[in-house]
């Protein structure tokens, strides 16, 4: 549901298909983290907000719990790195919740060597 809604929102922007996919993937990971890592939330949900400014898109994912590290394992712990690889990312964690802001990257469309 989250991906469908965000996809519909991103269709009206100037982002390329690859940029849209990157933001959708990063936002899905941020939402998964909000579900898994937000402990004792004051609200039983998380917020997702989008903003378009100067051709770039920001997606903000905010939970209302206290951050808890995930379970250890050989195939875990790659979410933050993945989000950083896909978008410009900031994370602010406070006692009342964590906010992840993902911002689309500018893509240089000039031909190589110009």
PDB file of N, CA and C in Angstrom:
ATOM      1  N   UNK A   1       0.827  -1.181   0.000  1.00  0.00           N
ATOM      2  CA  UNK A   1       0.000   0.000   0.000  1.00  0.00           C
ATOM      3  C   UNK A   1       0.879   1.256   0.000  1.00  0.00           C
ATOM      4  N   UNK A   2       1.930   1.244   0.812  1.00  0.00           N
ATOM      5  CA  UNK A   2       2.831   2.392   0.870  1.00  0.00           C
ATOM      6  C   UNK A   2       3.484   2.632  -0.492  1.00  0.00           C
ATOM      7  N   UNK A   3       4.003   1.576  -1.084  1.00  0.00           N
ATOM      8  CA  UNK A   3       4.673   1.729  -2.380  1.00  0.00           C
ATOM      9  C   UNK A   3       3.713   2.202  -3.468  1.00  0.00           C
ATOM     10  N   UNK A   4       2.500   1.672  -3.468  1.00  0.00           N
ATOM     11  CA  UNK A   4       1.517   2.098  -4.480  1.00  0.00           C
ATOM     12  C   UNK A   4       1.200   3.580  -4.327  1.00  0.00           C
ATOM     13  N   UNK A   5       0.973   4.015  -3.091  1.00  0.00           N
ATOM     14  CA  UNK A   5       0.655   5.415  -2.846  1.00  0.00           C
ATOM     15  C   UNK A   5       1.802   6.344  -3.209  1.00  0.00           C
ATOM     16  N   UNK A   6       3.014   5.971  -2.813  1.00  0.00           N
ATOM     17  CA  UNK A   6       4.171   6.786  -3.155  1.00  0.00           C
ATOM     18  C   UNK A   6       4.424   6.790  -4.659  1.00  0.00           C
ATOM     19  N   UNK A   7       4.257   5.635  -5.282  1.00  0.00           N
ATOM     20  CA  UNK A   7       4.455   5.555  -6.724  1.00  0.00           C
ATOM     21  C   UNK A   7       3.511   6.516  -7.445  1.00  0.00           C
ATOM     22  N   UNK A   8       2.266   6.541  -7.035  1.00  0.00           N
ATOM     23  CA  UNK A   8       1.288   7.452  -7.652  1.00  0.00           C
ATOM     24  C   UNK A   8       1.706   8.905  -7.438  1.00  0.00           C
ATOM     25  N   UNK A   9       2.201   9.209  -6.271  1.00  0.00           N
ATOM     26  CA  UNK A   9       2.641  10.572  -5.955  1.00  0.00           C
ATOM     27  C   UNK A   9       3.858  10.957  -6.801  1.00  0.00           C
ATOM     28  N   UNK A  10       4.782  10.051  -6.967  1.00  0.00           N
ATOM     29  CA  UNK A  10       6.017  10.339  -7.694  1.00  0.00           C
ATOM     30  C   UNK A  10       5.800  10.452  -9.198  1.00  0.00           C
ATOM     31  N   UNK A  11       4.722   9.887  -9.721  1.00  0.00           N
ATOM     32  CA  UNK A  11       4.465   9.939 -11.161  1.00  0.00           C
ATOM     33  C   UNK A  11       4.293  11.362 -11.658  1.00  0.00           C
ATOM     34  N   UNK A  12       3.849  12.264 -10.816  1.00  0.00           N
ATOM     35  CA  UNK A  12       3.643  13.646 -11.231  1.00  0.00           C
ATOM     36  C   UNK A  12       4.884  14.507 -11.098  1.00  0.00           C
ATOM     37  N   UNK A  13       6.041  13.910 -10.844  1.00  0.00           N
ATOM     38  CA  UNK A  13       7.274  14.677 -10.671  1.00  0.00           C
ATOM     39  C   UNK A  13       8.170  14.528 -11.899  1.00  0.00           C
ATOM     40  N   UNK A  14       9.288  15.223 -11.874  1.00  0.00           N
ATOM     41  CA  UNK A  14      10.236  15.143 -12.989  1.00  0.00           C
ATOM     42  C   UNK A  14      11.266  14.039 -12.793  1.00  0.00           C
ATOM     43  N   UNK A  15      11.088  13.181 -11.805  1.00  0.00           N
ATOM     44  CA  UNK A  15      12.047  12.111 -11.548  1.00  0.00           C
ATOM     45  C   UNK A  15      11.992  11.057 -12.653  1.00  0.00           C
ATOM     46  N   UNK A  16      13.149  10.488 -12.942  1.00  0.00           N
ATOM     47  CA  UNK A  16      13.209   9.384 -13.905  1.00  0.00           C
ATOM     48  C   UNK A  16      12.647   8.127 -13.253  1.00  0.00           C
ATOM     49  N   UNK A  17      12.448   7.106 -14.053  1.00  0.00           N
ATOM     50  CA  UNK A  17      11.979   5.829 -13.514  1.00  0.00           C
ATOM     51  C   UNK A  17      12.938   5.257 -12.489  1.00  0.00           C
ATOM     52  N   UNK A  18      14.247   5.368 -12.764  1.00  0.00           N
ATOM     53  CA  UNK A  18      15.246   4.871 -11.813  1.00  0.00           C
ATOM     54  C   UNK A  18      15.211   5.659 -10.506  1.00  0.00           C
ATOM     55  N   UNK A  19      15.068   6.971 -10.588  1.00  0.00           N
ATOM     56  CA  UNK A  19      15.001   7.784  -9.375  1.00  0.00           C
ATOM     57  C   UNK A  19      13.763   7.437  -8.551  1.00  0.00           C
ATOM     58  N   UNK A  20      12.643   7.231  -9.225  1.00  0.00           N
ATOM     59  CA  UNK A  20      11.410   6.843  -8.521  1.00  0.00           C
ATOM     60  C   UNK A  20      11.613   5.504  -7.819  1.00  0.00           C
ATOM     61  N   UNK A  21      12.179   4.552  -8.524  1.00  0.00           N
ATOM     62  CA  UNK A  21      12.410   3.229  -7.944  1.00  0.00           C
ATOM     63  C   UNK A  21      13.328   3.326  -6.725  1.00  0.00           C
ATOM     64  N   UNK A  22      14.400   4.123  -6.833  1.00  0.00           N
ATOM     65  CA  UNK A  22      15.317   4.278  -5.706  1.00  0.00           C
ATOM     66  C   UNK A  22      14.595   4.830  -4.476  1.00  0.00           C
ATOM     67  N   UNK A  23      13.787   5.872  -4.678  1.00  0.00           N
ATOM     68  CA  UNK A  23      13.051   6.447  -3.541  1.00  0.00           C
ATOM     69  C   UNK A  23      12.032   5.464  -2.977  1.00  0.00           C
ATOM     70  N   UNK A  24      11.344   4.723  -3.839  1.00  0.00           N
ATOM     71  CA  UNK A  24      10.379   3.730  -3.362  1.00  0.00           C
ATOM     72  C   UNK A  24      11.064   2.657  -2.530  1.00  0.00           C
ATOM     73  N   UNK A  25      12.188   2.172  -2.983  1.00  0.00           N
ATOM     74  CA  UNK A  25      12.924   1.147  -2.257  1.00  0.00           C
ATOM     75  C   UNK A  25      13.436   1.680  -0.920  1.00  0.00           C
ATOM     76  N   UNK A  26      14.007   2.878  -0.930  1.00  0.00           N
ATOM     77  CA  UNK A  26      14.514   3.476   0.304  1.00  0.00           C
ATOM     78  C   UNK A  26      13.379   3.761   1.288  1.00  0.00           C
ATOM     79  N   UNK A  27      12.253   4.267   0.798  1.00  0.00           N
ATOM     80  CA  UNK A  27      11.119   4.557   1.680  1.00  0.00           C
ATOM     81  C   UNK A  27      10.544   3.274   2.270  1.00  0.00           C
ATOM     82  N   UNK A  28      10.498   2.214   1.488  1.00  0.00           N
ATOM     83  CA  UNK A  28      10.033   0.926   2.014  1.00  0.00           C
ATOM     84  C   UNK A  28      10.926   0.427   3.134  1.00  0.00           C
ATOM     85  N   UNK A  29      12.221   0.611   2.979  1.00  0.00           N
ATOM     86  CA  UNK A  29      13.160   0.205   4.025  1.00  0.00           C
ATOM     87  C   UNK A  29      12.996   1.070   5.271  1.00  0.00           C
ATOM     88  N   UNK A  30      12.812   2.371   5.079  1.00  0.00           N
ATOM     89  CA  UNK A  30      12.595   3.268   6.222  1.00  0.00           C
ATOM     90  C   UNK A  30      11.314   2.885   6.965  1.00  0.00           C
ATOM     91  N   UNK A  31      10.264   2.542   6.227  1.00  0.00           N
ATOM     92  CA  UNK A  31       9.013   2.124   6.852  1.00  0.00           C
ATOM     93  C   UNK A  31       9.198   0.814   7.617  1.00  0.00           C
ATOM     94  N   UNK A  32       9.931  -0.126   7.031  1.00  0.00           N
ATOM     95  CA  UNK A  32      10.210  -1.391   7.736  1.00  0.00           C
ATOM     96  C   UNK A  32      10.963  -1.134   9.032  1.00  0.00           C
ATOM     97  N   UNK A  33      11.930  -0.222   8.978  1.00  0.00           N
ATOM     98  CA  UNK A  33      12.663   0.120  10.194  1.00  0.00           C
ATOM     99  C   UNK A  33      11.758   0.764  11.233  1.00  0.00           C
ATOM    100  N   UNK A  34      10.830   1.611  10.792  1.00  0.00           N
ATOM    101  CA  UNK A  34       9.902   2.251  11.724  1.00  0.00           C
ATOM    102  C   UNK A  34       9.046   1.200  12.433  1.00  0.00           C
ATOM    103  N   UNK A  35       8.691   0.147  11.725  1.00  0.00           N
ATOM    104  CA  UNK A  35       7.881  -0.922  12.319  1.00  0.00           C
ATOM    105  C   UNK A  35       8.722  -1.772  13.261  1.00  0.00           C
ATOM    106  N   UNK A  36       9.912  -2.142  12.836  1.00  0.00           N
ATOM    107  CA  UNK A  36      10.736  -3.060  13.614  1.00  0.00           C
ATOM    108  C   UNK A  36      11.457  -2.404  14.790  1.00  0.00           C
ATOM    109  N   UNK A  37      11.945  -1.194  14.606  1.00  0.00           N
ATOM    110  CA  UNK A  37      12.851  -0.612  15.590  1.00  0.00           C
ATOM    111  C   UNK A  37      12.198   0.352  16.567  1.00  0.00           C
ATOM    112  N   UNK A  38      11.006   0.839  16.288  1.00  0.00           N
ATOM    113  CA  UNK A  38      10.352   1.792  17.189  1.00  0.00           C
ATOM    114  C   UNK A  38       9.661   1.027  18.324  1.00  0.00           C
ATOM    115  N   UNK A  39      10.251   1.105  19.497  1.00  0.00           N
ATOM    116  CA  UNK A  39       9.716   0.382  20.649  1.00  0.00           C
ATOM    117  C   UNK A  39       8.892   1.312  21.541  1.00  0.00           C
ATOM    118  N   UNK A  40       7.833   0.787  22.123  1.00  0.00           N
ATOM    119  CA  UNK A  40       6.950   1.529  23.025  1.00  0.00           C
ATOM    120  C   UNK A  40       6.483   2.840  22.396  1.00  0.00           C
ATOM    121  N   UNK A  41       5.923   2.781  21.193  1.00  0.00           N
ATOM    122  CA  UNK A  41       5.513   4.022  20.532  1.00  0.00           C
ATOM    123  C   UNK A  41       4.358   4.701  21.251  1.00  0.00           C
ATOM    124  N   UNK A  42       4.378   6.024  21.224  1.00  0.00           N
ATOM    125  CA  UNK A  42       3.266   6.788  21.796  1.00  0.00           C
ATOM    126  C   UNK A  42       2.075   6.806  20.843  1.00  0.00           C
ATOM    127  N   UNK A  43       2.308   6.504  19.571  1.00  0.00           N
ATOM    128  CA  UNK A  43       1.251   6.384  18.549  1.00  0.00           C
ATOM    129  C   UNK A  43       1.453   5.055  17.834  1.00  0.00           C
ATOM    130  N   UNK A  44       0.373   4.346  17.505  1.00  0.00           N
ATOM    131  CA  UNK A  44       0.508   3.006  16.891  1.00  0.00           C
ATOM    132  C   UNK A  44       0.665   3.033  15.369  1.00  0.00           C
ATOM    133  N   UNK A  45       1.330   4.041  14.847  1.00  0.00           N
ATOM    134  CA  UNK A  45       1.491   4.169  13.406  1.00  0.00           C
ATOM    135  C   UNK A  45       2.769   4.953  13.130  1.00  0.00           C
ATOM    136  N   UNK A  46       3.101   5.095  11.848  1.00  0.00           N
ATOM    137  CA  UNK A  46       4.189   5.986  11.442  1.00  0.00           C
ATOM    138  C   UNK A  46       3.660   6.891  10.348  1.00  0.00           C
ATOM    139  N   UNK A  47       4.275   8.053  10.215  1.00  0.00           N
ATOM    140  CA  UNK A  47       3.883   9.028   9.206  1.00  0.00           C
ATOM    141  C   UNK A  47       4.802   8.937   8.001  1.00  0.00           C
ATOM    142  N   UNK A  48       4.239   9.178   6.822  1.00  0.00           N
ATOM    143  CA  UNK A  48       5.020   9.317   5.598  1.00  0.00           C
ATOM    144  C   UNK A  48       4.538  10.590   4.919  1.00  0.00           C
ATOM    145  N   UNK A  49       5.464  11.507   4.683  1.00  0.00           N
ATOM    146  CA  UNK A  49       5.141  12.763   4.026  1.00  0.00           C
ATOM    147  C   UNK A  49       6.045  12.927   2.821  1.00  0.00           C
ATOM    148  N   UNK A  50       5.526  13.517   1.760  1.00  0.00           N
ATOM    149  CA  UNK A  50       6.335  13.794   0.576  1.00  0.00           C
ATOM    150  C   UNK A  50       6.293  15.288   0.286  1.00  0.00           C
ATOM    151  N   UNK A  51       7.377  15.768  -0.308  1.00  0.00           N
ATOM    152  CA  UNK A  51       7.449  17.172  -0.682  1.00  0.00           C
ATOM    153  C   UNK A  51       8.248  17.280  -1.971  1.00  0.00           C
ATOM    154  N   UNK A  52       7.749  18.088  -2.902  1.00  0.00           N
ATOM    155  CA  UNK A  52       8.459  18.340  -4.151  1.00  0.00           C
ATOM    156  C   UNK A  52       8.918  19.780  -4.113  1.00  0.00           C
ATOM    157  N   UNK A  53      10.239  19.986  -4.337  1.00  0.00           N
ATOM    158  CA  UNK A  53      10.811  21.321  -4.270  1.00  0.00           C
ATOM    159  C   UNK A  53      11.935  21.415  -5.293  1.00  0.00           C
ATOM    160  N   UNK A  54      11.807  22.315  -6.248  1.00  0.00           N
ATOM    161  CA  UNK A  54      12.835  22.516  -7.273  1.00  0.00           C
ATOM    162  C   UNK A  54      13.182  21.230  -8.017  1.00  0.00           C
ATOM    163  N   UNK A  55      12.202  20.397  -8.308  1.00  0.00           N
ATOM    164  CA  UNK A  55      12.435  19.180  -9.071  1.00  0.00           C
ATOM    165  C   UNK A  55      12.956  18.011  -8.266  1.00  0.00           C
ATOM    166  N   UNK A  56      13.256  18.217  -7.003  1.00  0.00           N
ATOM    167  CA  UNK A  56      13.707  17.115  -6.150  1.00  0.00           C
ATOM    168  C   UNK A  56      12.552  16.741  -5.224  1.00  0.00           C
ATOM    169  N   UNK A  57      12.552  15.487  -4.825  1.00  0.00           N
ATOM    170  CA  UNK A  57      11.474  14.969  -3.985  1.00  0.00           C
ATOM    171  C   UNK A  57      12.060  14.513  -2.653  1.00  0.00           C
ATOM    172  N   UNK A  58      11.385  14.883  -1.583  1.00  0.00           N
ATOM    173  CA  UNK A  58      11.756  14.407  -0.254  1.00  0.00           C
ATOM    174  C   UNK A  58      10.650  13.507   0.264  1.00  0.00           C
ATOM    175  N   UNK A  59      11.049  12.416   0.894  1.00  0.00           N
ATOM    176  CA  UNK A  59      10.110  11.506   1.557  1.00  0.00           C
ATOM    177  C   UNK A  59      10.564  11.425   3.008  1.00  0.00           C
ATOM    178  N   UNK A  60       9.668  11.754   3.908  1.00  0.00           N
ATOM    179  CA  UNK A  60       9.959  11.739   5.332  1.00  0.00           C
ATOM    180  C   UNK A  60       9.171  10.603   5.975  1.00  0.00           C
ATOM    181  N   UNK A  61       9.850   9.758   6.726  1.00  0.00           N
ATOM    182  CA  UNK A  61       9.209   8.653   7.439  1.00  0.00           C
ATOM    183  C   UNK A  61       9.496   8.866   8.922  1.00  0.00           C
ATOM    184  N   UNK A  62       8.440   8.989   9.725  1.00  0.00           N
ATOM    185  CA  UNK A  62       8.596   9.301  11.146  1.00  0.00           C
ATOM    186  C   UNK A  62       7.809   8.314  11.994  1.00  0.00           C
ATOM    187  N   UNK A  63       8.487   7.760  12.988  1.00  0.00           N
ATOM    188  CA  UNK A  63       7.794   6.906  13.951  1.00  0.00           C
ATOM    189  C   UNK A  63       7.725   7.625  15.294  1.00  0.00           C
ATOM    190  N   UNK A  64       7.048   7.003  16.247  1.00  0.00           N
ATOM    191  CA  UNK A  64       6.805   7.644  17.532  1.00  0.00           C
ATOM    192  C   UNK A  64       7.280   6.789  18.695  1.00  0.00           C
ATOM    193  N   UNK A  65       8.324   6.006  18.465  1.00  0.00           N
ATOM    194  CA  UNK A  65       8.840   5.119  19.499  1.00  0.00           C
ATOM    195  C   UNK A  65      10.285   5.413  19.842  1.00  0.00           C
ATOM    196  N   UNK A  66      10.823   4.598  20.698  1.00  0.00           N
ATOM    197  CA  UNK A  66      12.222   4.685  21.105  1.00  0.00           C
ATOM    198  C   UNK A  66      13.007   3.693  20.261  1.00  0.00           C
ATOM    199  N   UNK A  67      14.125   4.134  19.692  1.00  0.00           N
ATOM    200  CA  UNK A  67      14.924   3.287  18.815  1.00  0.00           C
ATOM    201  C   UNK A  67      15.453   2.076  19.564  1.00  0.00           C
ATOM    202  N   UNK A  68      15.347   0.940  18.919  1.00  0.00           N
ATOM    203  CA  UNK A  68      15.910  -0.310  19.442  1.00  0.00           C
ATOM    204  C   UNK A  68      16.704  -0.947  18.313  1.00  0.00           C
ATOM    205  N   UNK A  69      17.921  -1.352  18.643  1.00  0.00           N
ATOM    206  CA  UNK A  69      18.740  -2.021  17.631  1.00  0.00           C
ATOM    207  C   UNK A  69      18.061  -3.317  17.204  1.00  0.00           C
ATOM    208  N   UNK A  70      18.250  -3.692  15.963  1.00  0.00           N
ATOM    209  CA  UNK A  70      17.644  -4.913  15.436  1.00  0.00           C
ATOM    210  C   UNK A  70      18.377  -6.159  15.894  1.00  0.00           C
ATOM    211  N   UNK A  71      17.796  -7.277  15.595  1.00  0.00           N
ATOM    212  CA  UNK A  71      18.411  -8.553  15.912  1.00  0.00           C
ATOM    213  C   UNK A  71      19.665  -8.749  15.068  1.00  0.00           C
ATOM    214  N   UNK A  72      20.676  -9.338  15.661  1.00  0.00           N
ATOM    215  CA  UNK A  72      21.924  -9.585  14.930  1.00  0.00           C
ATOM    216  C   UNK A  72      21.753 -10.783  14.003  1.00  0.00           C
ATOM    217  N   UNK A  73      22.460 -10.766  12.916  1.00  0.00           N
ATOM    218  CA  UNK A  73      22.418 -11.885  11.983  1.00  0.00           C
ATOM    219  C   UNK A  73      23.234 -11.566  10.755  1.00  0.00           C
ATOM    220  N   UNK A  74      23.675 -12.595  10.043  1.00  0.00           N
ATOM    221  CA  UNK A  74      24.539 -12.360   8.880  1.00  0.00           C
ATOM    222  C   UNK A  74      23.829 -11.672   7.716  1.00  0.00           C
ATOM    223  N   UNK A  75      22.509 -11.709   7.669  1.00  0.00           N
ATOM    224  CA  UNK A  75      21.768 -11.115   6.559  1.00  0.00           C
ATOM    225  C   UNK A  75      20.943  -9.915   7.002  1.00  0.00           C
ATOM    226  N   UNK A  76      21.366  -9.275   8.062  1.00  0.00           N
ATOM    227  CA  UNK A  76      20.634  -8.134   8.613  1.00  0.00           C
ATOM    228  C   UNK A  76      21.578  -6.946   8.751  1.00  0.00           C
ATOM    229  N   UNK A  77      20.997  -5.781   9.031  1.00  0.00           N
ATOM    230  CA  UNK A  77      21.806  -4.611   9.324  1.00  0.00           C
ATOM    231  C   UNK A  77      22.300  -3.845   8.118  1.00  0.00           C
ATOM    232  N   UNK A  78      21.636  -4.015   6.993  1.00  0.00           N
ATOM    233  CA  UNK A  78      22.074  -3.324   5.777  1.00  0.00           C
ATOM    234  C   UNK A  78      21.124  -2.201   5.350  1.00  0.00           C
ATOM    235  N   UNK A  79      20.058  -2.001   6.095  1.00  0.00           N
ATOM    236  CA  UNK A  79      19.027  -1.050   5.682  1.00  0.00           C
ATOM    237  C   UNK A  79      19.494   0.387   5.589  1.00  0.00           C
ATOM    238  N   UNK A  80      20.198   0.876   6.600  1.00  0.00           N
ATOM    239  CA  UNK A  80      20.653   2.266   6.571  1.00  0.00           C
ATOM    240  C   UNK A  80      21.642   2.487   5.430  1.00  0.00           C
ATOM    241  N   UNK A  81      22.552   1.544   5.227  1.00  0.00           N
ATOM    242  CA  UNK A  81      23.499   1.659   4.119  1.00  0.00           C
ATOM    243  C   UNK A  81      22.805   1.648   2.774  1.00  0.00           C
ATOM    244  N   UNK A  82      21.785   0.812   2.653  1.00  0.00           N
ATOM    245  CA  UNK A  82      21.029   0.745   1.412  1.00  0.00           C
ATOM    246  C   UNK A  82      20.319   2.078   1.156  1.00  0.00           C
ATOM    247  N   UNK A  83      19.698   2.627   2.194  1.00  0.00           N
ATOM    248  CA  UNK A  83      19.013   3.915   2.018  1.00  0.00           C
ATOM    249  C   UNK A  83      19.996   5.008   1.622  1.00  0.00           C
ATOM    250  N   UNK A  84      21.189   5.003   2.238  1.00  0.00           N
ATOM    251  CA  UNK A  84      22.213   6.006   1.884  1.00  0.00           C
ATOM    252  C   UNK A  84      22.670   5.842   0.434  1.00  0.00           C
ATOM    253  N   UNK A  85      22.717   4.617  -0.058  1.00  0.00           N
ATOM    254  CA  UNK A  85      23.126   4.370  -1.436  1.00  0.00           C
ATOM    255  C   UNK A  85      22.060   4.819  -2.434  1.00  0.00           C
ATOM    256  N   UNK A  86      20.807   4.833  -2.021  1.00  0.00           N
ATOM    257  CA  UNK A  86      19.696   5.129  -2.921  1.00  0.00           C
ATOM    258  C   UNK A  86      19.246   6.585  -2.919  1.00  0.00           C
ATOM    259  N   UNK A  87      19.530   7.313  -1.832  1.00  0.00           N
ATOM    260  CA  UNK A  87      19.027   8.681  -1.701  1.00  0.00           C
ATOM    261  C   UNK A  87      19.922   9.456  -0.746  1.00  0.00           C
ATOM    262  N   UNK A  88      19.802  10.772  -0.780  1.00  0.00           N
ATOM    263  CA  UNK A  88      20.429  11.584   0.256  1.00  0.00           C
ATOM    264  C   UNK A  88      19.587  11.372   1.501  1.00  0.00           C
ATOM    265  N   UNK A  89      20.209  10.973   2.599  1.00  0.00           N
ATOM    266  CA  UNK A  89      19.451  10.554   3.774  1.00  0.00           C
ATOM    267  C   UNK A  89      19.952  11.248   5.028  1.00  0.00           C
ATOM    268  N   UNK A  90      19.013  11.634   5.866  1.00  0.00           N
ATOM    269  CA  UNK A  90      19.329  12.080   7.219  1.00  0.00           C
ATOM    270  C   UNK A  90      18.447  11.306   8.180  1.00  0.00           C
ATOM    271  N   UNK A  91      18.991  11.044   9.360  1.00  0.00           N
ATOM    272  CA  UNK A  91      18.248  10.354  10.412  1.00  0.00           C
ATOM    273  C   UNK A  91      18.367  11.180  11.675  1.00  0.00           C
ATOM    274  N   UNK A  92      17.234  11.478  12.281  1.00  0.00           N
ATOM    275  CA  UNK A  92      17.206  12.176  13.564  1.00  0.00           C
ATOM    276  C   UNK A  92      16.424  11.297  14.522  1.00  0.00           C
ATOM    277  N   UNK A  93      17.114  10.830  15.573  1.00  0.00           N
ATOM    278  CA  UNK A  93      16.472   9.975  16.564  1.00  0.00           C
ATOM    279  C   UNK A  93      16.398  10.720  17.882  1.00  0.00           C
ATOM    280  N   UNK A  94      15.188  10.840  18.406  1.00  0.00           N
ATOM    281  CA  UNK A  94      14.939  11.520  19.673  1.00  0.00           C
ATOM    282  C   UNK A  94      14.095  10.604  20.538  1.00  0.00           C
ATOM    283  N   UNK A  95      13.953  10.928  21.813  1.00  0.00           N
ATOM    284  CA  UNK A  95      13.148  10.063  22.686  1.00  0.00           C
ATOM    285  C   UNK A  95      11.713   9.841  22.194  1.00  0.00           C
ATOM    286  N   UNK A  96      11.135  10.813  21.482  1.00  0.00           N
ATOM    287  CA  UNK A  96       9.760  10.681  21.011  1.00  0.00           C
ATOM    288  C   UNK A  96       9.621  10.072  19.640  1.00  0.00           C
ATOM    289  N   UNK A  97      10.721   9.622  19.038  1.00  0.00           N
ATOM    290  CA  UNK A  97      10.621   9.000  17.725  1.00  0.00           C
ATOM    291  C   UNK A  97      11.821   9.270  16.857  1.00  0.00           C
ATOM    292  N   UNK A  98      11.840   8.588  15.731  1.00  0.00           N
ATOM    293  CA  UNK A  98      12.920   8.723  14.758  1.00  0.00           C
ATOM    294  C   UNK A  98      12.330   9.225  13.456  1.00  0.00           C
ATOM    295  N   UNK A  99      13.036  10.160  12.825  1.00  0.00           N
ATOM    296  CA  UNK A  99      12.624  10.697  11.531  1.00  0.00           C
ATOM    297  C   UNK A  99      13.723  10.428  10.519  1.00  0.00           C
ATOM    298  N   UNK A 100      13.355   9.767   9.438  1.00  0.00           N
ATOM    299  CA  UNK A 100      14.262   9.518   8.314  1.00  0.00           C
ATOM    300  C   UNK A 100      13.782  10.384   7.160  1.00  0.00           C
ATOM    301  N   UNK A 101      14.684  11.198   6.631  1.00  0.00           N
ATOM    302  CA  UNK A 101      14.361  12.019   5.467  1.00  0.00           C
ATOM    303  C   UNK A 101      15.194  11.531   4.292  1.00  0.00           C
ATOM    304  N   UNK A 102      14.512  11.177   3.227  1.00  0.00           N
ATOM    305  CA  UNK A 102      15.142  10.687   1.994  1.00  0.00           C
ATOM    306  C   UNK A 102      14.889  11.728   0.916  1.00  0.00           C
ATOM    307  N   UNK A 103      15.945  12.136   0.246  1.00  0.00           N
ATOM    308  CA  UNK A 103      15.804  13.157  -0.793  1.00  0.00           C
ATOM    309  C   UNK A 103      16.401  12.624  -2.087  1.00  0.00           C
ATOM    310  N   UNK A 104      15.635  12.778  -3.170  1.00  0.00           N
ATOM    311  CA  UNK A 104      16.115  12.311  -4.468  1.00  0.00           C
ATOM    312  C   UNK A 104      17.408  13.036  -4.825  1.00  0.00           C
ATOM    313  N   UNK A 105      18.227  12.338  -5.552  1.00  0.00           N
ATOM    314  CA  UNK A 105      19.507  12.912  -5.981  1.00  0.00           C
ATOM    315  C   UNK A 105      19.346  13.548  -7.342  1.00  0.00           C
ATOM    316  N   UNK A 106      20.134  14.595  -7.578  1.00  0.00           N
ATOM    317  CA  UNK A 106      20.198  15.178  -8.916  1.00  0.00           C
ATOM    318  C   UNK A 106      20.928  14.198  -9.810  1.00  0.00           C
ATOM    319  N   UNK A 107      20.452  14.061 -11.009  1.00  0.00           N
ATOM    320  CA  UNK A 107      21.106  13.187 -11.976  1.00  0.00           C
ATOM    321  C   UNK A 107      21.709  14.062 -13.052  1.00  0.00           C
ATOM    322  N   UNK A 108      22.998  13.887 -13.309  1.00  0.00           N
ATOM    323  CA  UNK A 108      23.684  14.633 -14.336  1.00  0.00           C
ATOM    324  C   UNK A 108      23.335  14.025 -15.689  1.00  0.00           C
ATOM    325  N   UNK A 109      22.597  14.766 -16.507  1.00  0.00           N
ATOM    326  CA  UNK A 109      22.151  14.240 -17.793  1.00  0.00           C
ATOM    327  C   UNK A 109      23.039  14.718 -18.943  1.00  0.00           C
ATOM    328  N   UNK A 110      24.135  15.417 -18.647  1.00  0.00           N
ATOM    329  CA  UNK A 110      25.059  15.841 -19.698  1.00  0.00           C
ATOM    330  C   UNK A 110      25.817  14.633 -20.237  1.00  0.00           C
ATOM    331  N   UNK A 111      26.139  14.646 -21.506  1.00  0.00           N
ATOM    332  CA  UNK A 111      26.937  13.549 -22.074  1.00  0.00           C
ATOM    333  C   UNK A 111      28.330  13.544 -21.423  1.00  0.00           C
ATOM    334  N   UNK A 112      28.941  12.380 -21.287  1.00  0.00           N
ATOM    335  CA  UNK A 112      30.291  12.308 -20.709  1.00  0.00           C
ATOM    336  C   UNK A 112      31.266  13.171 -21.504  1.00  0.00           C
ATOM    337  N   UNK A 113      32.158  13.859 -20.779  1.00  0.00           N
ATOM    338  CA  UNK A 113      33.177  14.670 -21.412  1.00  0.00           C
ATOM    339  C   UNK A 113      32.732  16.064 -21.791  1.00  0.00           C
ATOM    340  N   UNK A 114      31.490  16.446 -21.477  1.00  0.00           N
ATOM    341  CA  UNK A 114      31.048  17.796 -21.840  1.00  0.00           C
ATOM    342  C   UNK A 114      31.165  18.751 -20.682  1.00  0.00           C
TER     343      UNK A 114
END
